[in-house]
PDB file of N, CA and C in Angstrom:
ATOM      1  N   MET A   1       0.823  -1.194   0.000  1.00  0.00           N
ATOM      2  CA  MET A   1       0.000   0.000   0.000  1.00  0.00           C
ATOM      3  C   MET A   1       0.865   1.255   0.000  1.00  0.00           C
ATOM      4  N   LYS A   2       1.891   1.232   0.863  1.00  0.00           N
ATOM      5  CA  LYS A   2       2.780   2.382   0.917  1.00  0.00           C
ATOM      6  C   LYS A   2       3.511   2.558  -0.414  1.00  0.00           C
ATOM      7  N   THR A   3       3.865   1.479  -1.022  1.00  0.00           N
ATOM      8  CA  THR A   3       4.581   1.548  -2.297  1.00  0.00           C
ATOM      9  C   THR A   3       3.683   2.139  -3.375  1.00  0.00           C
ATOM     10  N   THR A   4       2.423   1.814  -3.380  1.00  0.00           N
ATOM     11  CA  THR A   4       1.492   2.329  -4.372  1.00  0.00           C
ATOM     12  C   THR A   4       1.298   3.835  -4.192  1.00  0.00           C
ATOM     13  N   VAL A   5       1.140   4.285  -2.968  1.00  0.00           N
ATOM     14  CA  VAL A   5       0.967   5.716  -2.676  1.00  0.00           C
ATOM     15  C   VAL A   5       2.247   6.455  -3.054  1.00  0.00           C
ATOM     16  N   PHE A   6       3.383   5.901  -2.662  1.00  0.00           N
ATOM     17  CA  PHE A   6       4.670   6.524  -2.978  1.00  0.00           C
ATOM     18  C   PHE A   6       4.879   6.634  -4.491  1.00  0.00           C
ATOM     19  N   THR A   7       4.507   5.592  -5.224  1.00  0.00           N
ATOM     20  CA  THR A   7       4.643   5.588  -6.678  1.00  0.00           C
ATOM     21  C   THR A   7       3.698   6.626  -7.299  1.00  0.00           C
ATOM     22  N   ALA A   8       2.505   6.723  -6.789  1.00  0.00           N
ATOM     23  CA  ALA A   8       1.536   7.694  -7.301  1.00  0.00           C
ATOM     24  C   ALA A   8       2.026   9.120  -7.072  1.00  0.00           C
ATOM     25  N   ILE A   9       2.594   9.395  -5.904  1.00  0.00           N
ATOM     26  CA  ILE A   9       3.123  10.727  -5.601  1.00  0.00           C
ATOM     27  C   ILE A   9       4.320  11.040  -6.504  1.00  0.00           C
ATOM     28  N   LEU A  10       5.185  10.067  -6.681  1.00  0.00           N
ATOM     29  CA  LEU A  10       6.362  10.242  -7.529  1.00  0.00           C
ATOM     30  C   LEU A  10       5.966  10.524  -8.982  1.00  0.00           C
ATOM     31  N   ILE A  11       4.980   9.814  -9.494  1.00  0.00           N
ATOM     32  CA  ILE A  11       4.500  10.043 -10.857  1.00  0.00           C
ATOM     33  C   ILE A  11       3.852  11.429 -10.961  1.00  0.00           C
ATOM     34  N   GLY A  12       3.109  11.812  -9.935  1.00  0.00           N
ATOM     35  CA  GLY A  12       2.469  13.135  -9.921  1.00  0.00           C
ATOM     36  C   GLY A  12       3.495  14.258  -9.937  1.00  0.00           C
ATOM     37  N   LEU A  13       4.568  14.110  -9.176  1.00  0.00           N
ATOM     38  CA  LEU A  13       5.612  15.144  -9.140  1.00  0.00           C
ATOM     39  C   LEU A  13       6.359  15.236 -10.467  1.00  0.00           C
ATOM     40  N   THR A  14       6.634  14.123 -11.081  1.00  0.00           N
ATOM     41  CA  THR A  14       7.360  14.167 -12.349  1.00  0.00           C
ATOM     42  C   THR A  14       6.514  14.800 -13.451  1.00  0.00           C
ATOM     43  N   THR A  15       5.204  14.615 -13.409  1.00  0.00           N
ATOM     44  CA  THR A  15       4.364  15.261 -14.411  1.00  0.00           C
ATOM     45  C   THR A  15       4.274  16.761 -14.137  1.00  0.00           C
ATOM     46  N   GLN A  16       4.335  17.165 -12.898  1.00  0.00           N
ATOM     47  CA  GLN A  16       4.343  18.584 -12.541  1.00  0.00           C
ATOM     48  C   GLN A  16       5.618  19.240 -13.042  1.00  0.00           C
ATOM     49  N   ILE A  17       6.734  18.557 -12.922  1.00  0.00           N
ATOM     50  CA  ILE A  17       8.012  19.114 -13.342  1.00  0.00           C
ATOM     51  C   ILE A  17       8.031  19.314 -14.851  1.00  0.00           C
ATOM     52  N   SER A  18       7.543  18.365 -15.583  1.00  0.00           N
ATOM     53  CA  SER A  18       7.554  18.493 -17.038  1.00  0.00           C
ATOM     54  C   SER A  18       6.496  19.481 -17.533  1.00  0.00           C
ATOM     55  N   ALA A  19       5.546  19.848 -16.710  1.00  0.00           N
ATOM     56  CA  ALA A  19       4.495  20.774 -17.119  1.00  0.00           C
ATOM     57  C   ALA A  19       4.925  22.234 -16.989  1.00  0.00           C
ATOM     58  N   GLN A  20       6.175  22.500 -16.610  1.00  0.00           N
ATOM     59  CA  GLN A  20       6.629  23.863 -16.403  1.00  0.00           C
ATOM     60  C   GLN A  20       7.147  24.538 -17.675  1.00  0.00           C
ATOM     61  N   ASP A  21       7.189  23.832 -18.781  1.00  0.00           N
ATOM     62  CA  ASP A  21       7.657  24.434 -20.024  1.00  0.00           C
ATOM     63  C   ASP A  21       6.576  25.353 -20.581  1.00  0.00           C
ATOM     64  N   ALA A  22       6.998  26.602 -20.939  1.00  0.00           N
ATOM     65  CA  ALA A  22       6.048  27.559 -21.495  1.00  0.00           C
ATOM     66  C   ALA A  22       6.788  28.569 -22.350  1.00  0.00           C
ATOM     67  N   GLN A  23       6.046  29.269 -23.156  1.00  0.00           N
ATOM     68  CA  GLN A  23       6.630  30.303 -23.987  1.00  0.00           C
ATOM     69  C   GLN A  23       5.841  31.577 -23.747  1.00  0.00           C
ATOM     70  N   VAL A  24       6.557  32.674 -23.492  1.00  0.00           N
ATOM     71  CA  VAL A  24       5.927  33.962 -23.233  1.00  0.00           C
ATOM     72  C   VAL A  24       6.180  34.869 -24.425  1.00  0.00           C
ATOM     73  N   THR A  25       5.135  35.481 -24.911  1.00  0.00           N
ATOM     74  CA  THR A  25       5.259  36.407 -26.026  1.00  0.00           C
ATOM     75  C   THR A  25       4.821  37.788 -25.542  1.00  0.00           C
ATOM     76  N   ILE A  26       5.717  38.763 -25.700  1.00  0.00           N
ATOM     77  CA  ILE A  26       5.402  40.129 -25.283  1.00  0.00           C
ATOM     78  C   ILE A  26       5.121  40.945 -26.536  1.00  0.00           C
ATOM     79  N   GLN A  27       3.967  41.545 -26.559  1.00  0.00           N
ATOM     80  CA  GLN A  27       3.618  42.400 -27.679  1.00  0.00           C
ATOM     81  C   GLN A  27       3.787  43.842 -27.230  1.00  0.00           C
ATOM     82  N   GLN A  28       4.687  44.555 -27.926  1.00  0.00           N
ATOM     83  CA  GLN A  28       5.019  45.919 -27.535  1.00  0.00           C
ATOM     84  C   GLN A  28       4.865  46.831 -28.747  1.00  0.00           C
ATOM     85  N   ASP A  29       4.315  47.984 -28.529  1.00  0.00           N
ATOM     86  CA  ASP A  29       4.158  48.948 -29.601  1.00  0.00           C
ATOM     87  C   ASP A  29       5.541  49.398 -30.076  1.00  0.00           C
ATOM     88  N   SER A  30       5.742  49.474 -31.372  1.00  0.00           N
ATOM     89  CA  SER A  30       7.046  49.846 -31.929  1.00  0.00           C
ATOM     90  C   SER A  30       7.414  51.291 -31.600  1.00  0.00           C
ATOM     91  N   LYS A  31       6.444  52.106 -31.272  1.00  0.00           N
ATOM     92  CA  LYS A  31       6.724  53.505 -30.941  1.00  0.00           C
ATOM     93  C   LYS A  31       7.455  53.641 -29.605  1.00  0.00           C
ATOM     94  N   ILE A  32       7.393  52.630 -28.765  1.00  0.00           N
ATOM     95  CA  ILE A  32       8.098  52.685 -27.477  1.00  0.00           C
ATOM     96  C   ILE A  32       9.603  52.762 -27.704  1.00  0.00           C
ATOM     97  N   ASP A  33      10.130  51.986 -28.643  1.00  0.00           N
ATOM     98  CA  ASP A  33      11.552  52.044 -28.956  1.00  0.00           C
ATOM     99  C   ASP A  33      11.943  53.421 -29.471  1.00  0.00           C
ATOM    100  N   GLU A  34      11.102  54.003 -30.308  1.00  0.00           N
ATOM    101  CA  GLU A  34      11.374  55.342 -30.831  1.00  0.00           C
ATOM    102  C   GLU A  34      11.386  56.369 -29.706  1.00  0.00           C
ATOM    103  N   LEU A  35      10.454  56.235 -28.770  1.00  0.00           N
ATOM    104  CA  LEU A  35      10.395  57.167 -27.644  1.00  0.00           C
ATOM    105  C   LEU A  35      11.618  57.044 -26.741  1.00  0.00           C
ATOM    106  N   VAL A  36      12.079  55.837 -26.514  1.00  0.00           N
ATOM    107  CA  VAL A  36      13.271  55.628 -25.684  1.00  0.00           C
ATOM    108  C   VAL A  36      14.491  56.263 -26.350  1.00  0.00           C
ATOM    109  N   LYS A  37      14.634  56.089 -27.652  1.00  0.00           N
ATOM    110  CA  LYS A  37      15.759  56.691 -28.387  1.00  0.00           C
ATOM    111  C   LYS A  37      15.680  58.211 -28.346  1.00  0.00           C
ATOM    112  N   LEU A  38      14.487  58.760 -28.521  1.00  0.00           N
ATOM    113  CA  LEU A  38      14.298  60.206 -28.480  1.00  0.00           C
ATOM    114  C   LEU A  38      14.621  60.756 -27.095  1.00  0.00           C
ATOM    115  N   TYR A  39      14.166  60.064 -26.057  1.00  0.00           N
ATOM    116  CA  TYR A  39      14.434  60.479 -24.683  1.00  0.00           C
ATOM    117  C   TYR A  39      15.941  60.504 -24.413  1.00  0.00           C
ATOM    118  N   ALA A  40      16.648  59.457 -24.838  1.00  0.00           N
ATOM    119  CA  ALA A  40      18.097  59.396 -24.626  1.00  0.00           C
ATOM    120  C   ALA A  40      18.807  60.509 -25.384  1.00  0.00           C
ATOM    121  N   LYS A  41      18.356  60.785 -26.593  1.00  0.00           N
ATOM    122  CA  LYS A  41      18.981  61.836 -27.402  1.00  0.00           C
ATOM    123  C   LYS A  41      18.772  63.212 -26.779  1.00  0.00           C
ATOM    124  N   VAL A  42      17.577  63.486 -26.315  1.00  0.00           N
ATOM    125  CA  VAL A  42      17.267  64.793 -25.732  1.00  0.00           C
ATOM    126  C   VAL A  42      18.052  65.021 -24.443  1.00  0.00           C
ATOM    127  N   HIS A  43      18.166  63.983 -23.646  1.00  0.00           N
ATOM    128  CA  HIS A  43      18.825  64.140 -22.352  1.00  0.00           C
ATOM    129  C   HIS A  43      20.326  63.872 -22.385  1.00  0.00           C
ATOM    130  N   ALA A  44      20.872  63.569 -23.541  1.00  0.00           N
ATOM    131  CA  ALA A  44      22.300  63.275 -23.639  1.00  0.00           C
ATOM    132  C   ALA A  44      23.155  64.499 -23.361  1.00  0.00           C
ATOM    133  N   ASN A  45      22.773  65.655 -23.863  1.00  0.00           N
ATOM    134  CA  ASN A  45      23.608  66.845 -23.720  1.00  0.00           C
ATOM    135  C   ASN A  45      22.928  67.981 -22.975  1.00  0.00           C
ATOM    136  N   SER A  46      21.675  67.858 -22.669  1.00  0.00           N
ATOM    137  CA  SER A  46      20.982  68.973 -22.045  1.00  0.00           C
ATOM    138  C   SER A  46      21.194  68.994 -20.542  1.00  0.00           C
ATOM    139  N   GLY A  47      21.248  70.196 -20.020  1.00  0.00           N
ATOM    140  CA  GLY A  47      21.312  70.358 -18.582  1.00  0.00           C
ATOM    141  C   GLY A  47      22.670  70.167 -17.954  1.00  0.00           C
ATOM    142  N   PHE A  48      23.723  70.099 -18.725  1.00  0.00           N
ATOM    143  CA  PHE A  48      25.044  69.903 -18.152  1.00  0.00           C
ATOM    144  C   PHE A  48      25.863  71.175 -18.268  1.00  0.00           C
ATOM    145  N   TYR A  49      26.428  71.581 -17.152  1.00  0.00           N
ATOM    146  CA  TYR A  49      27.392  72.661 -17.166  1.00  0.00           C
ATOM    147  C   TYR A  49      28.726  72.094 -17.620  1.00  0.00           C
ATOM    148  N   GLN A  50      29.475  72.896 -18.378  1.00  0.00           N
ATOM    149  CA  GLN A  50      30.791  72.480 -18.829  1.00  0.00           C
ATOM    150  C   GLN A  50      31.766  73.629 -18.636  1.00  0.00           C
ATOM    151  N   ILE A  51      33.034  73.292 -18.671  1.00  0.00           N
ATOM    152  CA  ILE A  51      34.083  74.291 -18.564  1.00  0.00           C
ATOM    153  C   ILE A  51      34.845  74.291 -19.879  1.00  0.00           C
ATOM    154  N   GLN A  52      34.888  75.443 -20.505  1.00  0.00           N
ATOM    155  CA  GLN A  52      35.660  75.569 -21.747  1.00  0.00           C
ATOM    156  C   GLN A  52      37.054  76.044 -21.361  1.00  0.00           C
ATOM    157  N   VAL A  53      38.057  75.227 -21.654  1.00  0.00           N
ATOM    158  CA  VAL A  53      39.419  75.558 -21.247  1.00  0.00           C
ATOM    159  C   VAL A  53      40.201  76.282 -22.327  1.00  0.00           C
ATOM    160  N   GLY A  54      39.752  76.229 -23.571  1.00  0.00           N
ATOM    161  CA  GLY A  54      40.455  76.935 -24.629  1.00  0.00           C
ATOM    162  C   GLY A  54      39.871  76.637 -25.986  1.00  0.00           C
ATOM    163  N   PHE A  55      40.434  77.299 -27.005  1.00  0.00           N
ATOM    164  CA  PHE A  55      39.965  77.097 -28.369  1.00  0.00           C
ATOM    165  C   PHE A  55      41.065  77.462 -29.338  1.00  0.00           C
ATOM    166  N   GLY A  56      40.850  77.108 -30.583  1.00  0.00           N
ATOM    167  CA  GLY A  56      41.810  77.409 -31.637  1.00  0.00           C
ATOM    168  C   GLY A  56      41.612  76.470 -32.805  1.00  0.00           C
ATOM    169  N   ASN A  57      42.674  76.306 -33.613  1.00  0.00           N
ATOM    170  CA  ASN A  57      42.576  75.375 -34.725  1.00  0.00           C
ATOM    171  C   ASN A  57      42.594  73.943 -34.185  1.00  0.00           C
ATOM    172  N   TYR A  58      42.380  72.976 -35.070  1.00  0.00           N
ATOM    173  CA  TYR A  58      42.255  71.584 -34.612  1.00  0.00           C
ATOM    174  C   TYR A  58      43.519  71.086 -33.926  1.00  0.00           C
ATOM    175  N   LYS A  59      44.673  71.423 -34.457  1.00  0.00           N
ATOM    176  CA  LYS A  59      45.933  70.951 -33.865  1.00  0.00           C
ATOM    177  C   LYS A  59      46.108  71.508 -32.452  1.00  0.00           C
ATOM    178  N   LYS A  60      45.845  72.793 -32.294  1.00  0.00           N
ATOM    179  CA  LYS A  60      45.961  73.412 -30.963  1.00  0.00           C
ATOM    180  C   LYS A  60      44.943  72.797 -29.992  1.00  0.00           C
ATOM    181  N   ALA A  61      43.733  72.577 -30.475  1.00  0.00           N
ATOM    182  CA  ALA A  61      42.691  71.989 -29.628  1.00  0.00           C
ATOM    183  C   ALA A  61      43.059  70.565 -29.217  1.00  0.00           C
ATOM    184  N   GLN A  62      43.642  69.804 -30.132  1.00  0.00           N
ATOM    185  CA  GLN A  62      44.047  68.426 -29.819  1.00  0.00           C
ATOM    186  C   GLN A  62      45.155  68.420 -28.766  1.00  0.00           C
ATOM    187  N   GLU A  63      46.129  69.322 -28.901  1.00  0.00           N
ATOM    188  CA  GLU A  63      47.204  69.425 -27.910  1.00  0.00           C
ATOM    189  C   GLU A  63      46.652  69.815 -26.545  1.00  0.00           C
ATOM    190  N   LEU A  64      45.721  70.765 -26.545  1.00  0.00           N
ATOM    191  CA  LEU A  64      45.102  71.203 -25.294  1.00  0.00           C
ATOM    192  C   LEU A  64      44.291  70.069 -24.668  1.00  0.00           C
ATOM    193  N   LEU A  65      43.562  69.328 -25.490  1.00  0.00           N
ATOM    194  CA  LEU A  65      42.788  68.190 -24.986  1.00  0.00           C
ATOM    195  C   LEU A  65      43.706  67.143 -24.359  1.00  0.00           C
ATOM    196  N   ASN A  66      44.820  66.861 -24.995  1.00  0.00           N
ATOM    197  CA  ASN A  66      45.776  65.894 -24.432  1.00  0.00           C
ATOM    198  C   ASN A  66      46.281  66.357 -23.073  1.00  0.00           C
ATOM    199  N   GLN A  67      46.558  67.643 -22.940  1.00  0.00           N
ATOM    200  CA  GLN A  67      47.029  68.175 -21.659  1.00  0.00           C
ATOM    201  C   GLN A  67      45.925  68.121 -20.598  1.00  0.00           C
ATOM    202  N   VAL A  68      44.704  68.461 -21.007  1.00  0.00           N
ATOM    203  CA  VAL A  68      43.567  68.425 -20.079  1.00  0.00           C
ATOM    204  C   VAL A  68      43.336  66.997 -19.579  1.00  0.00           C
ATOM    205  N   GLU A  69      43.471  66.012 -20.472  1.00  0.00           N
ATOM    206  CA  GLU A  69      43.271  64.618 -20.061  1.00  0.00           C
ATOM    207  C   GLU A  69      44.358  64.148 -19.104  1.00  0.00           C
ATOM    208  N   ILE A  70      45.537  64.757 -19.169  1.00  0.00           N
ATOM    209  CA  ILE A  70      46.597  64.447 -18.200  1.00  0.00           C
ATOM    210  C   ILE A  70      46.291  65.113 -16.858  1.00  0.00           C
ATOM    211  N   ASP A  71      45.851  66.383 -16.911  1.00  0.00           N
ATOM    212  CA  ASP A  71      45.577  67.140 -15.683  1.00  0.00           C
ATOM    213  C   ASP A  71      44.315  66.674 -14.958  1.00  0.00           C
ATOM    214  N   PHE A  72      43.310  66.276 -15.701  1.00  0.00           N
ATOM    215  CA  PHE A  72      42.029  65.849 -15.120  1.00  0.00           C
ATOM    216  C   PHE A  72      41.607  64.523 -15.767  1.00  0.00           C
ATOM    217  N   PRO A  73      42.293  63.432 -15.448  1.00  0.00           N
ATOM    218  CA  PRO A  73      42.062  62.165 -16.167  1.00  0.00           C
ATOM    219  C   PRO A  73      40.694  61.528 -15.946  1.00  0.00           C
ATOM    220  N   THR A  74      40.036  61.808 -14.853  1.00  0.00           N
ATOM    221  CA  THR A  74      38.753  61.149 -14.583  1.00  0.00           C
ATOM    222  C   THR A  74      37.559  61.957 -15.079  1.00  0.00           C
ATOM    223  N   TRP A  75      37.784  63.140 -15.599  1.00  0.00           N
ATOM    224  CA  TRP A  75      36.695  64.003 -16.049  1.00  0.00           C
ATOM    225  C   TRP A  75      36.408  63.769 -17.524  1.00  0.00           C
ATOM    226  N   TYR A  76      35.173  63.962 -17.903  1.00  0.00           N
ATOM    227  CA  TYR A  76      34.752  63.889 -19.296  1.00  0.00           C
ATOM    228  C   TYR A  76      35.334  65.092 -20.034  1.00  0.00           C
ATOM    229  N   SER A  77      35.958  64.868 -21.190  1.00  0.00           N
ATOM    230  CA  SER A  77      36.506  65.973 -21.983  1.00  0.00           C
ATOM    231  C   SER A  77      36.303  65.681 -23.464  1.00  0.00           C
ATOM    232  N   LYS A  78      36.188  66.757 -24.257  1.00  0.00           N
ATOM    233  CA  LYS A  78      35.955  66.575 -25.685  1.00  0.00           C
ATOM    234  C   LYS A  78      36.303  67.847 -26.437  1.00  0.00           C
ATOM    235  N   ILE A  79      36.410  67.687 -27.750  1.00  0.00           N
ATOM    236  CA  ILE A  79      36.588  68.821 -28.655  1.00  0.00           C
ATOM    237  C   ILE A  79      35.273  69.009 -29.399  1.00  0.00           C
ATOM    238  N   GLU A  80      34.787  70.250 -29.430  1.00  0.00           N
ATOM    239  CA  GLU A  80      33.578  70.572 -30.189  1.00  0.00           C
ATOM    240  C   GLU A  80      33.928  71.624 -31.230  1.00  0.00           C
ATOM    241  N   PHE A  81      33.381  71.479 -32.409  1.00  0.00           N
ATOM    242  CA  PHE A  81      33.608  72.463 -33.457  1.00  0.00           C
ATOM    243  C   PHE A  81      32.450  73.436 -33.490  1.00  0.00           C
ATOM    244  N   GLU A  82      32.750  74.703 -33.284  1.00  0.00           N
ATOM    245  CA  GLU A  82      31.790  75.781 -33.466  1.00  0.00           C
ATOM    246  C   GLU A  82      32.480  76.786 -34.359  1.00  0.00           C
ATOM    247  N   SER A  83      31.972  76.933 -35.542  1.00  0.00           N
ATOM    248  CA  SER A  83      32.621  77.735 -36.574  1.00  0.00           C
ATOM    249  C   SER A  83      33.076  79.078 -36.022  1.00  0.00           C
ATOM    250  N   PRO A  84      34.271  79.489 -36.211  1.00  0.00           N
ATOM    251  CA  PRO A  84      35.335  78.929 -37.033  1.00  0.00           C
ATOM    252  C   PRO A  84      36.410  78.204 -36.225  1.00  0.00           C
ATOM    253  N   THR A  85      36.154  77.878 -34.970  1.00  0.00           N
ATOM    254  CA  THR A  85      37.206  77.287 -34.139  1.00  0.00           C
ATOM    255  C   THR A  85      36.769  75.991 -33.476  1.00  0.00           C
ATOM    256  N   TYR A  86      37.764  75.266 -32.990  1.00  0.00           N
ATOM    257  CA  TYR A  86      37.545  74.059 -32.192  1.00  0.00           C
ATOM    258  C   TYR A  86      37.667  74.453 -30.727  1.00  0.00           C
ATOM    259  N   ARG A  87      36.761  73.991 -29.909  1.00  0.00           N
ATOM    260  CA  ARG A  87      36.728  74.353 -28.492  1.00  0.00           C
ATOM    261  C   ARG A  87      36.915  73.101 -27.644  1.00  0.00           C
ATOM    262  N   VAL A  88      37.740  73.219 -26.617  1.00  0.00           N
ATOM    263  CA  VAL A  88      37.994  72.101 -25.711  1.00  0.00           C
ATOM    264  C   VAL A  88      37.139  72.308 -24.478  1.00  0.00           C
ATOM    265  N   ARG A  89      36.277  71.335 -24.225  1.00  0.00           N
ATOM    266  CA  ARG A  89      35.349  71.436 -23.097  1.00  0.00           C
ATOM    267  C   ARG A  89      35.569  70.278 -22.144  1.00  0.00           C
ATOM    268  N   LEU A  90      35.329  70.565 -20.887  1.00  0.00           N
ATOM    269  CA  LEU A  90      35.650  69.635 -19.810  1.00  0.00           C
ATOM    270  C   LEU A  90      34.461  69.500 -18.886  1.00  0.00           C
ATOM    271  N   GLY A  91      34.156  68.270 -18.496  1.00  0.00           N
ATOM    272  CA  GLY A  91      33.146  68.002 -17.485  1.00  0.00           C
ATOM    273  C   GLY A  91      31.725  67.958 -18.003  1.00  0.00           C
ATOM    274  N   ARG A  92      30.897  67.318 -17.213  1.00  0.00           N
ATOM    275  CA  ARG A  92      29.445  67.271 -17.414  1.00  0.00           C
ATOM    276  C   ARG A  92      28.844  67.363 -16.027  1.00  0.00           C
ATOM    277  N   PHE A  93      28.611  68.574 -15.561  1.00  0.00           N
ATOM    278  CA  PHE A  93      28.163  68.801 -14.192  1.00  0.00           C
ATOM    279  C   PHE A  93      26.681  69.113 -14.183  1.00  0.00           C
ATOM    280  N   LYS A  94      25.936  68.414 -13.326  1.00  0.00           N
ATOM    281  CA  LYS A  94      24.485  68.577 -13.291  1.00  0.00           C
ATOM    282  C   LYS A  94      24.062  69.855 -12.577  1.00  0.00           C
ATOM    283  N   THR A  95      24.772  70.221 -11.518  1.00  0.00           N
ATOM    284  CA  THR A  95      24.368  71.403 -10.761  1.00  0.00           C
ATOM    285  C   THR A  95      25.363  72.525 -10.952  1.00  0.00           C
ATOM    286  N   LYS A  96      24.877  73.741 -10.827  1.00  0.00           N
ATOM    287  CA  LYS A  96      25.734  74.911 -10.979  1.00  0.00           C
ATOM    288  C   LYS A  96      26.768  74.961  -9.855  1.00  0.00           C
ATOM    289  N   LEU A  97      26.373  74.552  -8.662  1.00  0.00           N
ATOM    290  CA  LEU A  97      27.293  74.563  -7.519  1.00  0.00           C
ATOM    291  C   LEU A  97      28.478  73.630  -7.766  1.00  0.00           C
ATOM    292  N   GLU A  98      28.207  72.433  -8.227  1.00  0.00           N
ATOM    293  CA  GLU A  98      29.277  71.488  -8.527  1.00  0.00           C
ATOM    294  C   GLU A  98      30.182  72.042  -9.629  1.00  0.00           C
ATOM    295  N   ALA A  99      29.578  72.625 -10.655  1.00  0.00           N
ATOM    296  CA  ALA A  99      30.349  73.185 -11.766  1.00  0.00           C
ATOM    297  C   ALA A  99      31.233  74.333 -11.301  1.00  0.00           C
ATOM    298  N   GLU A 100      30.717  75.189 -10.441  1.00  0.00           N
ATOM    299  CA  GLU A 100      31.511  76.317  -9.949  1.00  0.00           C
ATOM    300  C   GLU A 100      32.690  75.846  -9.109  1.00  0.00           C
ATOM    301  N   ARG A 101      32.495  74.823  -8.320  1.00  0.00           N
ATOM    302  CA  ARG A 101      33.605  74.278  -7.523  1.00  0.00           C
ATOM    303  C   ARG A 101      34.701  73.715  -8.424  1.00  0.00           C
ATOM    304  N   LYS A 102      34.312  72.959  -9.430  1.00  0.00           N
ATOM    305  CA  LYS A 102      35.287  72.395 -10.364  1.00  0.00           C
ATOM    306  C   LYS A 102      35.939  73.502 -11.204  1.00  0.00           C
ATOM    307  N   TYR A 103      35.172  74.522 -11.533  1.00  0.00           N
ATOM    308  CA  TYR A 103      35.679  75.649 -12.308  1.00  0.00           C
ATOM    309  C   TYR A 103      36.833  76.340 -11.569  1.00  0.00           C
ATOM    310  N   LEU A 104      36.669  76.539 -10.274  1.00  0.00           N
ATOM    311  CA  LEU A 104      37.742  77.151  -9.488  1.00  0.00           C
ATOM    312  C   LEU A 104      39.005  76.299  -9.516  1.00  0.00           C
ATOM    313  N   GLU A 105      38.828  74.995  -9.499  1.00  0.00           N
ATOM    314  CA  GLU A 105      39.962  74.066  -9.571  1.00  0.00           C
ATOM    315  C   GLU A 105      40.653  74.153 -10.939  1.00  0.00           C
ATOM    316  N   VAL A 106      39.860  74.236 -11.993  1.00  0.00           N
ATOM    317  CA  VAL A 106      40.408  74.303 -13.348  1.00  0.00           C
ATOM    318  C   VAL A 106      41.108  75.636 -13.587  1.00  0.00           C
ATOM    319  N   ARG A 107      40.581  76.719 -13.040  1.00  0.00           N
ATOM    320  CA  ARG A 107      41.159  78.052 -13.250  1.00  0.00           C
ATOM    321  C   ARG A 107      42.588  78.158 -12.722  1.00  0.00           C
ATOM    322  N   LYS A 108      42.948  77.336 -11.745  1.00  0.00           N
ATOM    323  CA  LYS A 108      44.321  77.348 -11.233  1.00  0.00           C
ATOM    324  C   LYS A 108      45.307  76.928 -12.318  1.00  0.00           C
ATOM    325  N   LYS A 109      44.904  75.984 -13.159  1.00  0.00           N
ATOM    326  CA  LYS A 109      45.763  75.468 -14.220  1.00  0.00           C
ATOM    327  C   LYS A 109      45.532  76.196 -15.545  1.00  0.00           C
ATOM    328  N   TYR A 110      44.283  76.579 -15.810  1.00  0.00           N
ATOM    329  CA  TYR A 110      43.908  77.242 -17.062  1.00  0.00           C
ATOM    330  C   TYR A 110      43.169  78.545 -16.735  1.00  0.00           C
ATOM    331  N   PRO A 111      43.911  79.653 -16.577  1.00  0.00           N
ATOM    332  CA  PRO A 111      43.286  80.909 -16.143  1.00  0.00           C
ATOM    333  C   PRO A 111      42.261  81.491 -17.122  1.00  0.00           C
ATOM    334  N   ASP A 112      42.321  81.099 -18.395  1.00  0.00           N
ATOM    335  CA  ASP A 112      41.375  81.618 -19.383  1.00  0.00           C
ATOM    336  C   ASP A 112      40.104  80.776 -19.493  1.00  0.00           C
ATOM    337  N   ALA A 113      39.949  79.798 -18.630  1.00  0.00           N
ATOM    338  CA  ALA A 113      38.786  78.904 -18.692  1.00  0.00           C
ATOM    339  C   ALA A 113      37.497  79.676 -18.425  1.00  0.00           C
ATOM    340  N   MET A 114      36.409  79.175 -19.031  1.00  0.00           N
ATOM    341  CA  MET A 114      35.091  79.789 -18.848  1.00  0.00           C
ATOM    342  C   MET A 114      34.081  78.720 -18.441  1.00  0.00           C
ATOM    343  N   LEU A 115      33.218  79.070 -17.528  1.00  0.00           N
ATOM    344  CA  LEU A 115      32.135  78.179 -17.126  1.00  0.00           C
ATOM    345  C   LEU A 115      30.946  78.464 -18.024  1.00  0.00           C
ATOM    346  N   LEU A 116      30.374  77.423 -18.628  1.00  0.00           N
ATOM    347  CA  LEU A 116      29.234  77.654 -19.501  1.00  0.00           C
ATOM    348  C   LEU A 116      28.239  76.509 -19.422  1.00  0.00           C
ATOM    349  N   LYS A 117      27.027  76.870 -19.762  1.00  0.00           N
ATOM    350  CA  LYS A 117      25.962  75.879 -19.880  1.00  0.00           C
ATOM    351  C   LYS A 117      25.461  75.961 -21.297  1.00  0.00           C
ATOM    352  N   PRO A 118      25.715  74.927 -22.102  1.00  0.00           N
ATOM    353  CA  PRO A 118      25.287  74.976 -23.507  1.00  0.00           C
ATOM    354  C   PRO A 118      23.772  75.104 -23.619  1.00  0.00           C
ATOM    355  N   GLU A 119      23.357  75.815 -24.639  1.00  0.00           N
ATOM    356  CA  GLU A 119      21.922  75.934 -24.885  1.00  0.00           C
ATOM    357  C   GLU A 119      21.385  74.586 -25.294  1.00  0.00           C
ATOM    358  N   GLU A 120      20.179  74.296 -24.861  1.00  0.00           N
ATOM    359  CA  GLU A 120      19.560  73.029 -25.258  1.00  0.00           C
ATOM    360  C   GLU A 120      19.184  73.118 -26.720  1.00  0.00           C
ATOM    361  N   LYS A 121      19.582  72.085 -27.446  1.00  0.00           N
ATOM    362  CA  LYS A 121      19.292  72.054 -28.877  1.00  0.00           C
ATOM    363  C   LYS A 121      17.880  71.542 -29.093  1.00  0.00           C
ATOM    364  N   GLU A 122      17.186  72.176 -30.022  1.00  0.00           N
ATOM    365  CA  GLU A 122      15.831  71.743 -30.336  1.00  0.00           C
ATOM    366  C   GLU A 122      15.882  70.474 -31.163  1.00  0.00           C
ATOM    367  N   THR A 123      14.953  69.587 -30.904  1.00  0.00           N
ATOM    368  CA  THR A 123      14.868  68.362 -31.682  1.00  0.00           C
ATOM    369  C   THR A 123      13.762  68.506 -32.717  1.00  0.00           C
ATOM    370  N   LYS A 124      13.999  67.981 -33.902  1.00  0.00           N
ATOM    371  CA  LYS A 124      12.993  68.032 -34.956  1.00  0.00           C
ATOM    372  C   LYS A 124      12.043  66.865 -34.817  1.00  0.00           C
ATOM    373  N   SER A 125      10.781  67.122 -34.997  1.00  0.00           N
ATOM    374  CA  SER A 125       9.780  66.060 -34.873  1.00  0.00           C
ATOM    375  C   SER A 125       9.667  65.259 -36.128  1.00  0.00           C
TER     376      SER A 125
END
């Protein structure tokens, strides 16, 4: 009797285990992907204070960028072209207070540095 009950329970458990296979299909509107990309694009450059350490032709800007990356290796830095010159910009600071503190630090090494907040670029619909 015990063997029959034990066998019945064992068979019941094995059928439960094999019954766990399933396939889930998620249906998502394709516009969600477009919205996520648009959101990332809009928020990629907006709202960040930056410090402009200098400008000039491309060669001068590249040399300045190399020096800035040595002086401030953990900070975000880049060259941006704004006609007719290349500008070396440093940092991506969310708050004005944080940017001003870093600006004072940068001014010790680069006295001509300027603190700026780029204008938000309009996105085309």
